[in-house]
Amino acid sequence: MEKVDFLRKKYPRFVYKNYLYRINDRDLEISFDFSIEKGINFNPRVIIKNIDKLRLKHLDKEILDNLVFHLGLMEIPSYWKTTCSPEIEIRAGELNKTQIKWWLDLISNGMGQFFYENKIEMNPDFVKIETDKSKNEFKKYEDSLKKQTLIPLGGGKDSIVTLEILKKNGNINCFSLGPNPAVKRIIEIAGIENPIYVERKVDEKLLELNRKGFLNGHTPFSAYLAFLSTLLAVVFDYKYVAFSNERSSNEGNVRHSGKIINHQYSKSFEFEDKFRNYSQKYLTREVEYFSFLRPLYEIQISRLFSEYRKYFPVFLSCNEASKTYSGRKIPTGKWCGSCPKCLFVYASLYPFLNKVQLEEIFGEDIFNKISLIPLMEQLMGEKEFKPFECVGTVKESLVAFYLSWKKNRQSQETSFLLKHFEKKTLPKYPKLEKEAEKIMDSWNNQNNLPKEFNKILKNSLIAE
């Protein structure tokens, strides 16, 4: 019997029992009560730092309950995935049929990579959601919010670009989940005086099960941030939530179970649109959730970021730098220089920076690592599928390596990867020059930007 079949039979039901929250000094402490029948219990926690107790006091309990309940729903995938129980039972609150359909859709699309890597054939009957029909105590937030902007900050170049552009054009703040030293340094450099910090405490039982060989894998983290940021916007009085998800995230990686698997699904415009509709219907119409950089490709964002040299020594986009491998490893906090993300970011910045600046960021010349040729070919679509990482589209990866090759040739430098590109890849794409021009000048009108933000971004591109 396959592992997943064994676990589903042994653990038939995942239960969202309850949520609790309290004010402890100036922090809002939230906890969730989950169980997997038979005998597995989880109690993850979230701590929102330095809340305005007076504002929170004036929020109706039914509004805060609704926002906290939904954050709990978004915690479920991280714990349910250990056994993929056939039934998810929601006892903490009520969901209607439309909501249940929405959450099943998120599990199907947002966990596509998890299903692919665990060789699970996802079908409409794989999981069902049951809900407590007796609980209907939630209420939407309907009061007006201040016209100020909250920016989720993760430590990468994209959110830095959003932060730098928007701080010149209005009242902004940023929030960070479990900020690492790099994020705190970015906040310091940016001059943000009162950032919002949130701690998410994963239940140690989950890490223990991972080490024991229970199912594990990718979950839609940006979807979690969407629900968390909406809660923060209401609690701290922000009308706008400006993410930094770009156009490139719309492209998938590989086909599985009759659908395209997208590692970045919860960063995609498809998810953004679905979440906005859900949030406006069930949470609040007052919060404007959107992605400020949605019209742009990653390489266009790299060109913008190249102007912000003060962040070069501290920004960090390598996911390997923060991985703990279920508690077996201490995060390095450094660019690994060997993963698809490092290679793509290096290639997207290379055309716009000099060698000293690249060395300042990465500490090495990644283009001289011959071992990365297979990853380069994956990024450019010459292998089975695009790597499961937050990288650009296949076409813009080709353009990034083309522009890097062009600059490298002009400077008469030698690089293993770019020599390979010149010999093996360039002859296949005689129109790359035109493709480069098209992508670098591109603008995607499929976005949810409010008019004023649309104008700000366009003006920034003109100034650049």
Protein backbone atom coordinates (compact mmCIF):
# COMPACT_ATOMS: atom_id res chain seq x y z
CA MET A 1 0.00 0.00 0.00
CA GLU A 2 1.29 3.47 -0.90
CA LYS A 3 2.21 5.72 2.03
CA VAL A 4 -0.53 8.24 1.24
CA ASP A 5 -3.20 5.50 1.09
CA PHE A 6 -2.01 4.04 4.40
CA LEU A 7 -2.09 7.45 6.13
CA ARG A 8 -5.51 8.38 4.72
CA LYS A 9 -6.98 5.11 5.94
CA LYS A 10 -5.37 5.35 9.39
CA TYR A 11 -6.20 9.07 9.86
CA PRO A 12 -9.61 9.66 8.21
CA ARG A 13 -10.46 13.10 9.61
CA PHE A 14 -8.70 16.42 10.20
CA VAL A 15 -10.60 18.70 12.61
CA TYR A 16 -10.36 22.48 13.08
CA LYS A 17 -11.74 22.51 16.62
CA ASN A 18 -11.37 26.08 17.80
CA TYR A 19 -9.42 29.32 17.89
CA LEU A 20 -8.60 31.52 20.87
CA TYR A 21 -7.13 34.99 21.20
CA ARG A 22 -6.22 37.35 24.01
CA ILE A 23 -4.35 40.58 24.61
CA ASN A 24 -1.14 40.05 26.52
CA ASP A 25 0.41 43.39 27.41
CA ARG A 26 0.56 45.04 23.93
CA ASP A 27 0.45 41.85 21.87
CA LEU A 28 -2.50 40.04 20.34
CA GLU A 29 -1.88 36.33 20.91
CA ILE A 30 -3.83 33.86 18.76
CA SER A 31 -3.85 30.08 19.00
CA PHE A 32 -5.56 27.35 16.98
CA ASP A 33 -6.71 23.90 18.02
CA PHE A 34 -6.39 21.22 15.32
CA SER A 35 -6.51 17.45 15.57
CA ILE A 36 -6.10 14.49 13.27
CA GLU A 37 -8.15 11.49 14.28
CA LYS A 38 -6.74 9.37 15.77
CA GLY A 39 -4.53 10.90 18.41
CA ILE A 40 -2.57 13.75 16.77
CA ASN A 41 -3.06 17.30 18.07
CA PHE A 42 -1.62 20.63 16.92
CA ASN A 43 -1.71 24.06 18.56
CA PRO A 44 0.02 26.60 16.33
CA ARG A 45 0.21 30.20 17.53
CA VAL A 46 0.42 33.67 16.03
CA ILE A 47 1.57 36.75 17.96
CA ILE A 48 0.87 40.22 16.55
CA LYS A 49 3.18 42.71 18.23
CA ASN A 50 2.38 46.19 19.57
CA ILE A 51 -1.29 46.48 18.72
CA ASP A 52 -3.38 49.57 19.38
CA LYS A 53 -5.49 48.28 22.26
CA LEU A 54 -7.91 51.21 22.05
CA ARG A 55 -8.67 50.50 18.38
CA LEU A 56 -8.99 46.78 19.05
CA LYS A 57 -11.40 47.51 21.89
CA HIS A 58 -13.75 49.28 19.46
CA LEU A 59 -13.77 46.39 16.98
CA ASP A 60 -16.85 44.19 17.25
CA LYS A 61 -16.00 40.75 18.59
CA GLU A 62 -17.82 39.14 15.64
CA ILE A 63 -15.49 40.98 13.22
CA LEU A 64 -12.28 39.94 14.96
CA ASP A 65 -13.63 36.39 15.34
CA ASN A 66 -14.22 36.23 11.60
CA LEU A 67 -10.71 37.41 10.71
CA VAL A 68 -9.04 35.10 13.22
CA PHE A 69 -11.21 32.14 12.18
CA HIS A 70 -10.12 32.64 8.56
CA LEU A 71 -6.46 32.84 9.51
CA GLY A 72 -7.00 29.46 11.17
CA LEU A 73 -8.48 28.09 7.96
CA MET A 74 -5.31 29.20 6.19
CA GLU A 75 -3.17 27.34 8.75
CA ILE A 76 -4.90 24.06 7.88
CA PRO A 77 -2.87 23.05 4.77
CA SER A 78 0.42 23.04 6.71
CA TYR A 79 -0.93 20.46 9.16
CA TRP A 80 -3.48 18.54 7.07
CA LYS A 81 -0.79 17.65 4.53
CA THR A 82 0.93 15.29 7.00
CA THR A 83 -1.81 12.66 6.47
CA CYS A 84 -4.01 14.09 3.67
CA SER A 85 -7.06 12.94 5.64
CA PRO A 86 -10.06 12.40 3.31
CA GLU A 87 -12.24 14.72 5.42
CA ILE A 88 -11.61 18.17 6.88
CA GLU A 89 -14.18 19.03 9.54
CA ILE A 90 -14.60 22.69 10.52
CA ARG A 91 -16.06 22.98 14.03
CA ALA A 92 -14.67 26.46 14.78
CA GLY A 93 -17.16 28.22 12.51
CA GLU A 94 -19.52 27.92 9.59
CA LEU A 95 -18.76 27.97 5.87
CA ASN A 96 -21.40 28.03 3.16
CA LYS A 97 -21.23 25.95 -0.05
CA THR A 98 -19.57 28.74 -2.01
CA GLN A 99 -16.87 29.15 0.63
CA ILE A 100 -16.24 25.41 0.80
CA LYS A 101 -15.81 25.35 -2.97
CA TRP A 102 -13.33 28.25 -2.71
CA TRP A 103 -11.21 26.48 -0.09
CA LEU A 104 -11.21 23.19 -2.01
CA ASP A 105 -10.04 25.13 -5.07
CA LEU A 106 -7.19 26.66 -3.04
CA ILE A 107 -6.10 23.23 -1.80
CA SER A 108 -6.20 21.83 -5.34
CA ASN A 109 -4.27 24.69 -6.98
CA GLY A 110 -2.19 26.00 -4.11
CA MET A 111 -0.87 22.55 -3.15
CA GLY A 112 -0.28 21.31 -6.68
CA GLN A 113 3.46 21.04 -6.12
CA PHE A 114 2.86 19.02 -2.93
CA PHE A 115 0.64 16.57 -4.81
CA TYR A 116 3.13 16.31 -7.68
CA GLU A 117 6.17 15.68 -5.48
CA ASN A 118 4.32 13.13 -3.34
CA LYS A 119 2.96 11.35 -6.45
CA ILE A 120 -0.65 12.00 -5.43
CA GLU A 121 -3.33 11.99 -8.12
CA MET A 122 -5.61 14.87 -7.14
CA ASN A 123 -9.28 14.39 -8.01
CA PRO A 124 -12.54 16.08 -6.92
CA ASP A 125 -13.19 13.35 -4.32
CA PHE A 126 -9.73 13.43 -2.75
CA VAL A 127 -10.86 15.61 0.15
CA LYS A 128 -14.18 16.98 1.34
CA ILE A 129 -14.90 19.76 3.82
CA GLU A 130 -17.67 19.50 6.39
CA THR A 131 -18.67 22.48 8.50
CA ASP A 132 -20.65 23.25 11.67
CA LYS A 133 -24.00 24.54 10.43
CA SER A 134 -24.96 25.88 13.87
CA LYS A 135 -22.39 28.66 14.04
CA ASN A 136 -23.18 31.93 12.28
CA GLU A 137 -21.67 34.54 14.55
CA PHE A 138 -19.27 36.26 12.16
CA LYS A 139 -19.51 39.76 10.74
CA LYS A 140 -17.74 41.68 7.97
CA TYR A 141 -15.77 44.83 8.73
CA GLU A 142 -17.58 47.76 7.08
CA ASP A 143 -16.19 50.97 8.62
CA SER A 144 -13.84 53.15 6.60
CA LEU A 145 -10.08 52.75 6.91
CA LYS A 146 -7.30 55.35 6.71
CA LYS A 147 -5.83 55.87 3.24
CA GLN A 148 -2.46 54.47 4.17
CA THR A 149 -0.60 51.49 2.73
CA LEU A 150 0.72 48.34 4.38
CA ILE A 151 3.57 46.57 2.55
CA PRO A 152 4.46 42.94 3.34
CA LEU A 153 8.27 42.75 3.47
CA GLY A 154 10.09 39.47 2.99
CA GLY A 155 13.68 40.59 2.48
CA GLY A 156 13.87 40.19 -1.30
CA LYS A 157 14.42 42.80 -4.00
CA ASP A 158 10.76 42.98 -5.12
CA SER A 159 9.31 44.19 -1.84
CA ILE A 160 12.21 46.66 -1.53
CA VAL A 161 11.25 48.18 -4.89
CA THR A 162 7.63 48.51 -3.75
CA LEU A 163 8.73 50.04 -0.45
CA GLU A 164 11.09 52.57 -2.05
CA ILE A 165 8.61 53.72 -4.69
CA LEU A 166 5.60 53.99 -2.40
CA LYS A 167 7.33 55.68 0.52
CA LYS A 168 7.82 58.71 -1.78
CA ASN A 169 4.12 58.77 -2.61
CA GLY A 170 2.09 58.50 0.57
CA ASN A 171 1.68 57.23 4.11
CA ILE A 172 3.16 53.72 4.25
CA ASN A 173 4.28 51.10 6.73
CA CYS A 174 5.51 47.54 6.37
CA PHE A 175 4.92 44.29 8.18
CA SER A 176 7.10 41.22 8.43
CA LEU A 177 6.35 37.71 9.58
CA GLY A 178 9.04 36.41 11.92
CA PRO A 179 11.58 38.93 10.63
CA ASN A 180 15.13 37.67 10.16
CA PRO A 181 18.18 39.94 10.58
CA ALA A 182 18.16 40.80 6.85
CA VAL A 183 14.58 42.07 6.99
CA LYS A 184 15.23 44.11 10.13
CA ARG A 185 18.26 45.70 8.48
CA ILE A 186 16.21 46.56 5.37
CA ILE A 187 13.59 48.21 7.58
CA GLU A 188 16.31 50.19 9.31
CA ILE A 189 17.85 51.32 6.01
CA ALA A 190 14.42 52.29 4.67
CA GLY A 191 13.79 54.47 7.72
CA ILE A 192 10.56 52.74 8.75
CA GLU A 193 10.04 53.73 12.38
CA ASN A 194 7.16 51.55 13.58
CA PRO A 195 7.01 48.37 11.50
CA ILE A 196 4.46 45.69 12.34
CA TYR A 197 6.05 42.42 13.41
CA VAL A 198 4.23 39.10 13.59
CA GLU A 199 5.52 35.81 15.00
CA ARG A 200 4.14 32.53 13.66
CA LYS A 201 4.94 29.64 15.97
CA VAL A 202 4.72 26.28 14.20
CA ASP A 203 3.71 23.40 16.47
CA GLU A 204 6.77 21.24 17.17
CA LYS A 205 4.61 18.17 16.63
CA LEU A 206 4.51 19.01 12.92
CA LEU A 207 8.31 19.06 12.68
CA GLU A 208 8.44 15.80 14.62
CA LEU A 209 6.03 14.13 12.17
CA ASN A 210 8.09 15.45 9.25
CA ARG A 211 11.19 13.84 10.72
CA LYS A 212 9.28 10.56 11.16
CA GLY A 213 8.43 10.45 7.48
CA PHE A 214 4.84 11.70 7.38
CA LEU A 215 3.89 13.58 4.21
CA ASN A 216 5.54 16.96 3.72
CA GLY A 217 5.88 19.60 1.02
CA HIS A 218 4.97 22.98 -0.39
CA THR A 219 1.95 24.96 0.85
CA PRO A 220 0.56 28.29 -0.51
CA PHE A 221 2.43 30.65 1.80
CA SER A 222 1.44 33.85 -0.01
CA ALA A 223 -2.21 32.89 0.51
CA TYR A 224 -1.48 32.76 4.24
CA LEU A 225 0.02 36.25 4.01
CA ALA A 226 -3.09 37.48 2.18
CA PHE A 227 -5.37 36.52 5.08
CA LEU A 228 -2.87 37.71 7.69
CA SER A 229 -2.40 41.09 5.98
CA THR A 230 -6.17 41.64 5.81
CA LEU A 231 -6.41 40.98 9.54
CA LEU A 232 -3.53 43.42 10.14
CA ALA A 233 -5.07 46.07 7.87
CA VAL A 234 -8.26 46.06 9.94
CA VAL A 235 -6.50 45.90 13.32
CA PHE A 236 -4.00 48.68 12.46
CA ASP A 237 -6.28 50.81 10.23
CA TYR A 238 -4.80 50.51 6.70
CA LYS A 239 -6.94 50.69 3.58
CA TYR A 240 -4.32 49.42 1.11
CA VAL A 241 -2.27 46.22 1.24
CA ALA A 242 0.39 46.33 -1.48
CA PHE A 243 2.08 43.01 -2.18
CA SER A 244 5.03 42.73 -4.58
CA ASN A 245 4.00 39.73 -6.68
CA GLU A 246 4.99 40.17 -10.30
CA ARG A 247 3.70 39.17 -13.72
CA SER A 248 6.19 36.29 -13.93
CA SER A 249 4.42 34.34 -11.18
CA ASN A 250 1.51 33.57 -13.52
CA GLU A 251 3.54 30.96 -15.43
CA GLY A 252 3.36 27.35 -14.24
CA ASN A 253 6.04 24.66 -14.00
CA VAL A 254 4.73 21.26 -15.09
CA ARG A 255 1.49 19.41 -15.91
CA HIS A 256 0.10 16.93 -13.34
CA SER A 257 -3.34 15.31 -12.88
CA GLY A 258 -4.60 17.11 -15.97
CA LYS A 259 -3.61 20.62 -14.82
CA ILE A 260 -0.64 22.97 -14.79
CA ILE A 261 1.22 23.00 -11.47
CA ASN A 262 2.43 26.46 -10.47
CA HIS A 263 4.87 26.75 -7.58
CA GLN A 264 3.88 30.41 -7.35
CA TYR A 265 0.11 29.89 -7.56
CA SER A 266 -0.67 31.98 -4.47
CA LYS A 267 1.40 34.81 -5.99
CA SER A 268 -0.45 34.63 -9.31
CA PHE A 269 -3.06 37.03 -10.63
CA GLU A 270 -5.55 34.14 -10.64
CA PHE A 271 -5.25 33.73 -6.87
CA GLU A 272 -5.12 37.50 -6.29
CA ASP A 273 -8.41 37.95 -8.11
CA LYS A 274 -10.08 35.05 -6.31
CA PHE A 275 -8.88 36.25 -2.92
CA ARG A 276 -10.07 39.83 -3.52
CA ASN A 277 -13.54 38.54 -4.40
CA TYR A 278 -13.63 36.23 -1.38
CA SER A 279 -12.35 38.90 0.99
CA GLN A 280 -14.81 41.53 -0.21
CA LYS A 281 -17.70 39.09 0.16
CA TYR A 282 -16.84 37.52 3.52
CA LEU A 283 -14.20 39.68 5.30
CA THR A 284 -14.36 43.36 4.29
CA ARG A 285 -14.89 45.56 1.26
CA GLU A 286 -12.75 48.29 2.82
CA VAL A 287 -9.33 46.65 2.42
CA GLU A 288 -7.80 47.01 -1.06
CA TYR A 289 -5.53 43.96 -1.55
CA PHE A 290 -3.39 44.05 -4.72
CA SER A 291 0.10 43.50 -6.03
CA PHE A 292 1.88 46.74 -6.87
CA LEU A 293 4.37 45.09 -9.26
CA ARG A 294 1.85 42.91 -11.12
CA PRO A 295 2.31 44.75 -14.48
CA LEU A 296 6.06 43.94 -14.55
CA TYR A 297 8.32 41.00 -15.25
CA GLU A 298 11.02 40.05 -12.74
CA ILE A 299 13.79 41.37 -14.96
CA GLN A 300 12.08 44.77 -15.16
CA ILE A 301 11.95 44.81 -11.35
CA SER A 302 15.67 43.93 -11.26
CA ARG A 303 16.38 47.01 -13.40
CA LEU A 304 14.46 49.17 -10.91
CA PHE A 305 16.19 47.52 -7.95
CA SER A 306 19.61 48.22 -9.45
CA GLU A 307 19.11 51.89 -8.45
CA TYR A 308 18.91 51.05 -4.73
CA ARG A 309 22.53 50.24 -3.97
CA LYS A 310 22.14 50.78 -0.22
CA TYR A 311 20.29 47.47 -0.03
CA PHE A 312 22.84 45.37 -1.95
CA PRO A 313 24.71 44.05 1.12
CA VAL A 314 21.56 43.06 3.01
CA PHE A 315 18.75 41.89 0.71
CA LEU A 316 18.32 38.11 0.40
CA SER A 317 16.15 36.19 -2.04
CA CYS A 318 17.66 32.70 -1.65
CA ASN A 319 15.13 30.33 -0.07
CA GLU A 320 17.84 27.85 0.91
CA ALA A 321 19.17 30.54 3.27
CA SER A 322 16.13 30.22 5.54
CA LYS A 323 15.39 26.48 5.40
CA THR A 324 15.63 24.41 8.58
CA TYR A 325 14.65 21.04 7.06
CA SER A 326 12.18 20.32 9.86
CA GLY A 327 14.54 21.46 12.59
CA ARG A 328 17.55 19.45 11.41
CA LYS A 329 19.51 22.47 10.20
CA ILE A 330 20.27 26.03 11.29
CA PRO A 331 19.42 28.58 8.56
CA THR A 332 22.55 30.01 6.94
CA GLY A 333 21.16 33.49 6.22
CA LYS A 334 23.39 33.66 3.12
CA TRP A 335 23.06 33.22 -0.63
CA CYS A 336 23.82 29.55 -1.37
CA GLY A 337 24.95 30.34 -4.92
CA SER A 338 23.80 26.93 -6.14
CA CYS A 339 19.99 26.98 -6.37
CA PRO A 340 17.70 28.08 -9.24
CA LYS A 341 16.69 31.23 -7.32
CA CYS A 342 20.29 32.38 -6.83
CA LEU A 343 21.09 31.73 -10.49
CA PHE A 344 18.01 33.54 -11.79
CA VAL A 345 18.46 36.59 -9.54
CA TYR A 346 22.13 36.77 -10.54
CA ALA A 347 21.20 36.57 -14.24
CA SER A 348 18.46 39.18 -13.91
CA LEU A 349 20.77 41.65 -12.12
CA TYR A 350 23.93 41.02 -14.16
CA PRO A 351 22.93 43.28 -17.09
CA PHE A 352 22.46 46.27 -14.77
CA LEU A 353 25.31 45.95 -12.22
CA ASN A 354 29.10 45.87 -12.37
CA LYS A 355 31.32 43.07 -11.06
CA VAL A 356 32.05 44.84 -7.78
CA GLN A 357 28.34 45.26 -7.04
CA LEU A 358 27.58 41.63 -7.91
CA GLU A 359 30.41 40.50 -5.67
CA GLU A 360 29.02 42.71 -2.90
CA ILE A 361 25.71 40.86 -3.13
CA PHE A 362 26.59 37.24 -3.90
CA GLY A 363 30.21 36.95 -2.76
CA GLU A 364 31.17 35.04 -5.92
CA ASP A 365 30.83 34.92 -9.70
CA ILE A 366 27.94 32.49 -10.10
CA PHE A 367 28.32 32.47 -13.90
CA ASN A 368 31.65 30.68 -13.47
CA LYS A 369 30.09 27.66 -11.74
CA ILE A 370 29.96 25.05 -14.48
CA SER A 371 27.88 22.80 -12.21
CA LEU A 372 24.93 25.18 -12.71
CA ILE A 373 24.55 24.53 -16.44
CA PRO A 374 21.68 22.03 -15.89
CA LEU A 375 19.84 24.62 -13.75
CA MET A 376 20.40 27.28 -16.39
CA GLU A 377 18.88 24.97 -19.01
CA GLN A 378 15.88 24.30 -16.76
CA LEU A 379 15.29 28.03 -16.30
CA MET A 380 15.38 28.55 -20.06
CA GLY A 381 12.93 25.72 -20.75
CA GLU A 382 15.45 23.30 -22.25
CA LYS A 383 14.78 20.58 -19.68
CA GLU A 384 11.66 18.77 -18.42
CA PHE A 385 10.17 21.65 -16.47
CA LYS A 386 10.90 24.97 -14.88
CA PRO A 387 12.33 24.64 -11.33
CA PHE A 388 9.91 24.82 -8.40
CA GLU A 389 11.17 28.22 -7.27
CA CYS A 390 10.04 31.84 -7.44
CA VAL A 391 11.83 32.59 -10.70
CA GLY A 392 10.93 34.38 -13.93
CA THR A 393 9.18 32.99 -16.97
CA VAL A 394 11.09 30.79 -19.40
CA LYS A 395 11.09 33.60 -21.96
CA GLU A 396 12.46 36.23 -19.58
CA SER A 397 15.12 33.80 -18.34
CA LEU A 398 16.26 33.52 -21.95
CA VAL A 399 16.27 37.31 -22.16
CA ALA A 400 18.17 37.64 -18.86
CA PHE A 401 20.91 35.29 -20.08
CA TYR A 402 20.94 37.01 -23.47
CA LEU A 403 21.40 40.48 -21.95
CA SER A 404 24.05 39.07 -19.60
CA TRP A 405 25.86 37.44 -22.54
CA LYS A 406 25.70 40.69 -24.51
CA LYS A 407 27.21 42.67 -21.63
CA ASN A 408 29.80 39.94 -20.98
CA ARG A 409 30.92 39.98 -24.61
CA GLN A 410 31.24 43.77 -24.68
CA SER A 411 33.45 43.71 -21.59
CA GLN A 412 35.49 40.83 -23.06
CA GLU A 413 35.08 38.80 -19.89
CA THR A 414 34.96 35.00 -19.81
CA SER A 415 32.20 33.03 -18.15
CA PHE A 416 31.52 29.29 -18.30
CA LEU A 417 27.74 29.61 -18.26
CA LEU A 418 27.58 32.42 -20.80
CA LYS A 419 30.01 30.62 -23.12
CA HIS A 420 27.70 27.62 -22.93
CA PHE A 421 24.74 29.91 -23.64
CA GLU A 422 26.52 31.36 -26.70
CA LYS A 423 27.38 27.93 -28.09
CA LYS A 424 24.29 25.84 -27.27
CA THR A 425 21.33 28.20 -26.77
CA LEU A 426 21.81 31.43 -28.69
CA PRO A 427 21.75 29.82 -32.18
CA LYS A 428 18.24 28.47 -31.48
CA TYR A 429 16.81 31.94 -30.82
CA PRO A 430 17.76 34.40 -33.59
CA LYS A 431 15.13 36.95 -32.47
CA LEU A 432 16.22 37.31 -28.84
CA GLU A 433 17.19 40.95 -29.32
CA LYS A 434 13.60 41.82 -30.23
CA GLU A 435 12.24 39.66 -27.41
CA ALA A 436 14.50 41.49 -24.97
CA GLU A 437 13.23 44.87 -26.13
CA LYS A 438 9.62 43.70 -25.90
CA ILE A 439 9.98 42.33 -22.36
CA MET A 440 11.96 45.27 -21.01
CA ASP A 441 9.26 47.68 -22.25
CA SER A 442 6.33 45.43 -21.33
CA TRP A 443 3.30 46.43 -19.26
CA ASN A 444 0.57 43.98 -18.22
CA ASN A 445 -2.89 45.52 -17.99
CA GLN A 446 -4.27 42.43 -16.22
CA ASN A 447 -3.95 43.77 -12.69
CA ASN A 448 -5.97 45.06 -9.76
CA LEU A 449 -4.00 48.26 -9.15
CA PRO A 450 -6.08 51.20 -7.92
CA LYS A 451 -5.72 54.12 -10.34
CA GLU A 452 -3.42 56.14 -8.14
CA PHE A 453 -1.01 53.21 -7.72
CA ASN A 454 -1.09 52.46 -11.42
CA LYS A 455 0.03 56.06 -12.09
CA ILE A 456 2.78 55.92 -9.44
CA LEU A 457 4.32 52.77 -10.95
CA LYS A 458 4.16 54.13 -14.51
CA ASN A 459 5.81 57.38 -13.43
CA SER A 460 8.58 55.40 -11.70
CA LEU A 461 9.30 53.50 -14.91
CA ILE A 462 9.47 56.75 -16.88
CA ALA A 463 11.84 58.26 -14.30
CA GLU A 464 14.02 55.17 -14.40
